[in-house]
Amino acid sequence: DEGWNLVGFSCTNELSAVLSFSPYIDDIIIVKDYLGNAYLPDWDFNGIGNLERGFGYQIKISDSIEDFNLCNE
């Protein structure tokens, strides 16, 4: 949904935040991990690095996304 959401990462392997969120780049405002590290696509800044299996991430989006999937391997 538009605004803040929580998403879990359950893919088999770690995956770069940039690669994982790339299909949704136009709708993402910010992604944060549990430490407060951020991925800011508009600033081309990835302070998260790789998404880790079993962890959750906060994501703020500007528009609803259908068929959201982080495992784009």
N, C-alpha and C. Protein backbone atom coordinates (compact mmCIF):
# COMPACT_ATOMS: atom_id res chain seq x y z
N ASP A 1 0.83 -1.19 0.00
CA ASP A 1 0.00 0.00 0.00
C ASP A 1 0.87 1.26 0.00
N GLU A 2 0.31 2.33 -0.49
CA GLU A 2 1.02 3.61 -0.48
C GLU A 2 1.39 3.98 0.95
N GLY A 3 2.58 4.52 1.13
CA GLY A 3 3.07 4.90 2.46
C GLY A 3 4.05 3.88 3.00
N TRP A 4 4.09 3.74 4.34
CA TRP A 4 5.03 2.82 4.99
C TRP A 4 4.49 1.41 5.03
N ASN A 5 5.38 0.44 4.78
CA ASN A 5 5.04 -0.97 4.83
C ASN A 5 6.21 -1.73 5.43
N LEU A 6 5.94 -2.92 5.94
CA LEU A 6 6.98 -3.84 6.39
C LEU A 6 7.00 -5.02 5.44
N VAL A 7 8.20 -5.40 5.00
CA VAL A 7 8.34 -6.56 4.12
C VAL A 7 9.41 -7.48 4.70
N GLY A 8 9.17 -8.76 4.57
CA GLY A 8 10.16 -9.75 4.99
C GLY A 8 10.95 -10.24 3.80
N PHE A 9 12.20 -10.60 4.03
CA PHE A 9 13.04 -11.12 2.96
C PHE A 9 13.26 -12.60 3.21
N SER A 10 12.69 -13.43 2.36
CA SER A 10 12.77 -14.88 2.55
C SER A 10 13.42 -15.60 1.38
N CYS A 11 14.10 -14.87 0.53
CA CYS A 11 14.78 -15.48 -0.61
C CYS A 11 15.91 -16.40 -0.10
N THR A 12 16.31 -17.35 -0.91
CA THR A 12 17.33 -18.32 -0.53
C THR A 12 18.67 -17.66 -0.27
N ASN A 13 19.08 -16.74 -1.12
CA ASN A 13 20.39 -16.10 -1.02
C ASN A 13 20.25 -14.61 -0.73
N GLU A 14 21.29 -14.05 -0.12
CA GLU A 14 21.34 -12.59 0.04
C GLU A 14 21.28 -11.95 -1.33
N LEU A 15 20.72 -10.76 -1.39
CA LEU A 15 20.57 -10.08 -2.67
C LEU A 15 20.72 -8.59 -2.45
N SER A 16 21.41 -7.93 -3.33
CA SER A 16 21.62 -6.48 -3.24
C SER A 16 20.27 -5.78 -3.17
N ALA A 17 20.17 -4.79 -2.28
CA ALA A 17 18.94 -4.00 -2.17
C ALA A 17 18.63 -3.33 -3.51
N VAL A 18 19.65 -2.87 -4.19
CA VAL A 18 19.46 -2.20 -5.48
C VAL A 18 18.83 -3.16 -6.49
N LEU A 19 19.36 -4.36 -6.58
CA LEU A 19 18.84 -5.36 -7.52
C LEU A 19 17.45 -5.83 -7.12
N SER A 20 17.27 -6.09 -5.84
CA SER A 20 16.01 -6.62 -5.36
C SER A 20 14.84 -5.65 -5.56
N PHE A 21 15.08 -4.37 -5.32
CA PHE A 21 14.01 -3.37 -5.44
C PHE A 21 13.95 -2.71 -6.82
N SER A 22 14.82 -3.10 -7.75
CA SER A 22 14.89 -2.45 -9.06
C SER A 22 13.58 -2.44 -9.85
N PRO A 23 12.74 -3.48 -9.78
CA PRO A 23 11.48 -3.41 -10.54
C PRO A 23 10.51 -2.33 -10.02
N TYR A 24 10.77 -1.84 -8.81
CA TYR A 24 9.84 -0.89 -8.17
C TYR A 24 10.48 0.48 -7.95
N ILE A 25 11.58 0.74 -8.61
CA ILE A 25 12.39 1.94 -8.38
C ILE A 25 11.59 3.23 -8.51
N ASP A 26 10.61 3.27 -9.39
CA ASP A 26 9.84 4.50 -9.59
C ASP A 26 8.88 4.80 -8.44
N ASP A 27 8.56 3.79 -7.64
CA ASP A 27 7.61 3.95 -6.55
C ASP A 27 8.26 4.04 -5.17
N ILE A 28 9.53 3.68 -5.07
CA ILE A 28 10.20 3.64 -3.76
C ILE A 28 10.74 5.01 -3.37
N ILE A 29 10.43 5.41 -2.15
CA ILE A 29 10.97 6.64 -1.59
C ILE A 29 12.18 6.30 -0.72
N ILE A 30 12.03 5.30 0.17
CA ILE A 30 13.11 4.90 1.07
C ILE A 30 12.87 3.48 1.56
N VAL A 31 13.95 2.75 1.78
CA VAL A 31 13.91 1.44 2.41
C VAL A 31 14.87 1.50 3.59
N LYS A 32 14.45 0.96 4.76
CA LYS A 32 15.30 0.97 5.94
C LYS A 32 15.39 -0.42 6.55
N ASP A 33 16.58 -0.74 7.09
CA ASP A 33 16.72 -2.01 7.81
C ASP A 33 16.54 -1.77 9.31
N TYR A 34 16.74 -2.80 10.11
CA TYR A 34 16.50 -2.70 11.56
C TYR A 34 17.52 -1.81 12.27
N LEU A 35 18.62 -1.51 11.62
CA LEU A 35 19.63 -0.63 12.20
C LEU A 35 19.46 0.83 11.79
N GLY A 36 18.51 1.06 10.88
CA GLY A 36 18.28 2.42 10.39
C GLY A 36 19.07 2.74 9.14
N ASN A 37 19.84 1.77 8.63
CA ASN A 37 20.53 1.97 7.36
C ASN A 37 19.49 2.13 6.26
N ALA A 38 19.78 2.94 5.28
CA ALA A 38 18.77 3.26 4.27
C ALA A 38 19.25 3.01 2.85
N TYR A 39 18.28 2.69 2.00
CA TYR A 39 18.47 2.66 0.56
C TYR A 39 17.59 3.77 0.01
N LEU A 40 18.21 4.75 -0.64
CA LEU A 40 17.51 5.92 -1.20
C LEU A 40 17.73 5.94 -2.71
N PRO A 41 16.82 5.37 -3.47
CA PRO A 41 17.03 5.28 -4.92
C PRO A 41 17.17 6.63 -5.61
N ASP A 42 16.45 7.65 -5.17
CA ASP A 42 16.56 8.97 -5.81
C ASP A 42 17.94 9.58 -5.66
N TRP A 43 18.65 9.18 -4.62
CA TRP A 43 20.00 9.69 -4.36
C TRP A 43 21.08 8.69 -4.78
N ASP A 44 20.66 7.55 -5.36
CA ASP A 44 21.59 6.49 -5.76
C ASP A 44 22.48 6.08 -4.58
N PHE A 45 21.85 5.91 -3.41
CA PHE A 45 22.57 5.59 -2.18
C PHE A 45 22.04 4.28 -1.59
N ASN A 46 22.94 3.31 -1.41
CA ASN A 46 22.57 2.04 -0.81
C ASN A 46 23.39 1.82 0.46
N GLY A 47 22.86 2.25 1.59
CA GLY A 47 23.52 2.05 2.87
C GLY A 47 23.19 0.70 3.49
N ILE A 48 22.27 -0.04 2.89
CA ILE A 48 21.88 -1.36 3.39
C ILE A 48 22.83 -2.43 2.89
N GLY A 49 23.23 -2.32 1.63
CA GLY A 49 24.05 -3.38 1.02
C GLY A 49 23.15 -4.49 0.55
N ASN A 50 23.35 -5.70 1.10
CA ASN A 50 22.54 -6.85 0.73
C ASN A 50 21.39 -7.07 1.70
N LEU A 51 20.26 -7.50 1.17
CA LEU A 51 19.14 -7.92 2.01
C LEU A 51 19.48 -9.32 2.52
N GLU A 52 19.16 -9.58 3.79
CA GLU A 52 19.50 -10.85 4.41
C GLU A 52 18.25 -11.67 4.69
N ARG A 53 18.35 -12.97 4.42
CA ARG A 53 17.24 -13.90 4.65
C ARG A 53 16.80 -13.84 6.12
N GLY A 54 15.49 -13.77 6.31
CA GLY A 54 14.92 -13.78 7.65
C GLY A 54 14.77 -12.41 8.29
N PHE A 55 15.24 -11.37 7.63
CA PHE A 55 15.13 -10.02 8.18
C PHE A 55 13.97 -9.27 7.53
N GLY A 56 13.47 -8.27 8.25
CA GLY A 56 12.40 -7.44 7.74
C GLY A 56 12.92 -6.05 7.39
N TYR A 57 12.22 -5.38 6.51
CA TYR A 57 12.63 -4.05 6.05
C TYR A 57 11.42 -3.14 5.98
N GLN A 58 11.61 -1.90 6.36
CA GLN A 58 10.58 -0.88 6.23
C GLN A 58 10.74 -0.25 4.86
N ILE A 59 9.64 -0.07 4.17
CA ILE A 59 9.70 0.51 2.84
C ILE A 59 8.59 1.56 2.72
N LYS A 60 8.97 2.72 2.24
CA LYS A 60 7.99 3.78 1.99
C LYS A 60 7.85 3.94 0.49
N ILE A 61 6.62 3.80 0.00
CA ILE A 61 6.38 3.89 -1.44
C ILE A 61 5.35 4.96 -1.75
N SER A 62 5.44 5.49 -2.95
CA SER A 62 4.56 6.59 -3.35
C SER A 62 3.25 6.11 -3.96
N ASP A 63 3.18 4.81 -4.34
CA ASP A 63 1.98 4.27 -4.96
C ASP A 63 1.91 2.78 -4.64
N SER A 64 0.72 2.23 -4.60
CA SER A 64 0.57 0.80 -4.33
C SER A 64 1.26 -0.03 -5.40
N ILE A 65 1.80 -1.18 -4.99
CA ILE A 65 2.48 -2.09 -5.91
C ILE A 65 1.78 -3.43 -5.88
N GLU A 66 1.36 -3.91 -7.05
CA GLU A 66 0.74 -5.23 -7.14
C GLU A 66 1.80 -6.28 -7.45
N ASP A 67 1.61 -7.49 -6.98
CA ASP A 67 2.53 -8.62 -7.23
C ASP A 67 3.95 -8.30 -6.76
N PHE A 68 4.08 -7.71 -5.59
CA PHE A 68 5.39 -7.36 -5.02
C PHE A 68 6.16 -8.63 -4.71
N ASN A 69 7.42 -8.71 -5.16
CA ASN A 69 8.27 -9.88 -4.94
C ASN A 69 9.71 -9.43 -4.89
N LEU A 70 10.40 -9.69 -3.77
CA LEU A 70 11.79 -9.29 -3.65
C LEU A 70 12.78 -10.28 -4.24
N CYS A 71 12.36 -11.49 -4.51
CA CYS A 71 13.26 -12.52 -5.03
C CYS A 71 13.27 -12.47 -6.56
N ASN A 72 13.95 -11.49 -7.10
CA ASN A 72 13.99 -11.30 -8.56
C ASN A 72 15.23 -11.91 -9.18
N GLU A 73 15.70 -13.01 -8.62
CA GLU A 73 16.94 -13.63 -9.11
C GLU A 73 16.72 -14.26 -10.46
